[in-house]
């Protein structure tokens, strides 16, 4: 299957139009931009927390706690982003799901 093809509701390949390609590209760009924005905010805010920690007291590195908690959320966002990007670009997965449902419903 070529990269510009997708599967229709009957499992047949169809060529993506320029408009559909643009729509898919826009969807993928929004997914990527959402993550990079989240990453940028994470870095800026945690740099500020680090600076506040340095200015107030170096005895206890409290800035690590929000960085760790938020980092877990950022990691989950990354996994979700990669998953969405794989699904938007993987027409074979769509075809397998259609075939599975067709076989399951026609038993």
Protein backbone atom coordinates (compact mmCIF):
# COMPACT_ATOMS: atom_id res chain seq x y z
CA UNK A 1 0.00 0.00 0.00
CA UNK A 2 1.39 3.41 -0.88
CA UNK A 3 1.55 6.24 1.64
CA UNK A 4 -1.15 8.35 -0.03
CA UNK A 5 -3.74 5.61 0.18
CA UNK A 6 -6.31 4.93 2.85
CA UNK A 7 -8.97 2.28 3.24
CA UNK A 8 -12.64 3.05 2.66
CA UNK A 9 -15.51 1.55 4.68
CA UNK A 10 -15.41 -1.59 2.49
CA UNK A 11 -11.72 -2.25 2.99
CA UNK A 12 -10.78 -1.02 -0.47
CA UNK A 13 -7.83 1.30 -1.01
CA UNK A 14 -8.58 4.82 -2.12
CA UNK A 15 -6.16 7.59 -2.98
CA UNK A 16 -6.15 10.57 -0.64
CA UNK A 17 -7.04 13.85 -2.28
CA UNK A 18 -4.90 16.94 -1.74
CA UNK A 19 -7.57 18.29 0.62
CA UNK A 20 -7.55 15.06 2.66
CA UNK A 21 -3.74 15.10 2.80
CA UNK A 22 -3.83 18.73 3.98
CA UNK A 23 -6.43 17.84 6.62
CA UNK A 24 -4.34 14.90 7.87
CA UNK A 25 -1.20 17.06 7.95
CA UNK A 26 -3.06 19.76 9.91
CA UNK A 27 -4.35 17.19 12.40
CA UNK A 28 -0.84 15.81 12.93
CA UNK A 29 0.61 19.32 13.27
CA UNK A 30 -1.93 20.20 15.98
CA UNK A 31 -0.99 17.03 17.89
CA UNK A 32 2.74 17.86 17.69
CA UNK A 33 2.22 21.51 18.56
CA UNK A 34 0.16 20.62 21.63
CA UNK A 35 3.00 18.55 23.03
CA UNK A 36 5.76 21.03 22.20
CA UNK A 37 3.77 23.84 23.86
CA UNK A 38 3.32 21.70 26.98
CA UNK A 39 7.06 20.91 27.00
CA UNK A 40 7.99 24.58 26.63
CA UNK A 41 5.74 25.66 29.50
CA UNK A 42 7.13 22.83 31.65
CA UNK A 43 10.71 23.96 31.03
CA UNK A 44 10.04 27.66 31.66
CA UNK A 45 8.01 27.17 34.84
CA UNK A 46 10.42 24.62 36.29
CA UNK A 47 13.38 26.90 35.50
CA UNK A 48 11.59 29.60 37.51
CA UNK A 49 11.02 27.15 40.37
CA UNK A 50 14.71 26.25 40.28
CA UNK A 51 15.66 29.93 40.39
CA UNK A 52 13.32 30.55 43.32
CA UNK A 53 14.80 27.55 45.12
CA UNK A 54 18.35 28.81 44.58
CA UNK A 55 17.45 32.31 45.79
CA UNK A 56 15.63 31.13 48.91
CA UNK A 57 17.51 28.07 50.13
CA UNK A 58 19.83 25.46 48.68
CA UNK A 59 19.48 23.15 51.69
CA UNK A 60 16.35 21.48 50.39
CA UNK A 61 15.74 21.08 46.62
CA UNK A 62 11.95 21.46 46.78
CA UNK A 63 11.76 22.39 43.08
CA UNK A 64 12.25 18.69 42.27
CA UNK A 65 8.78 17.77 43.59
CA UNK A 66 6.74 19.84 41.14
CA UNK A 67 9.20 18.95 38.36
CA UNK A 68 8.72 15.25 39.08
CA UNK A 69 4.93 15.42 39.34
CA UNK A 70 4.53 17.53 36.24
CA UNK A 71 7.15 15.40 34.47
CA UNK A 72 4.97 12.32 34.96
CA UNK A 73 2.08 14.18 33.33
CA UNK A 74 4.34 15.35 30.52
CA UNK A 75 5.52 11.77 29.97
CA UNK A 76 1.90 10.63 29.68
CA UNK A 77 1.24 13.44 27.20
CA UNK A 78 4.25 12.26 25.15
CA UNK A 79 2.99 8.67 25.05
CA UNK A 80 -0.45 9.92 24.02
CA UNK A 81 1.09 12.12 21.30
CA UNK A 82 3.14 9.28 19.83
CA UNK A 83 0.10 7.00 19.93
CA UNK A 84 -2.08 9.54 18.10
CA UNK A 85 0.60 10.18 15.48
CA UNK A 86 0.92 6.47 14.82
CA UNK A 87 -2.84 6.10 14.45
CA UNK A 88 -3.23 9.06 12.06
CA UNK A 89 -0.50 7.73 9.81
CA UNK A 90 -1.24 4.02 10.03
CA UNK A 91 -3.91 3.07 7.53
CA UNK A 92 -2.99 -0.63 7.89
CA UNK A 93 -4.26 -0.52 11.47
CA UNK A 94 -7.54 0.93 10.21
CA UNK A 95 -7.84 -1.82 7.60
CA UNK A 96 -7.15 -4.53 10.22
CA UNK A 97 -9.81 -3.05 12.53
CA UNK A 98 -12.35 -2.94 9.70
CA UNK A 99 -11.54 -6.55 8.76
CA UNK A 100 -11.84 -7.62 12.41
CA UNK A 101 -15.23 -5.95 12.81
CA UNK A 102 -16.46 -7.31 9.48
CA UNK A 103 -15.49 -10.86 10.50
CA UNK A 104 -16.84 -10.48 14.04
CA UNK A 105 -20.18 -9.07 12.94
CA UNK A 106 -20.66 -11.57 10.13
CA UNK A 107 -20.16 -14.71 12.26
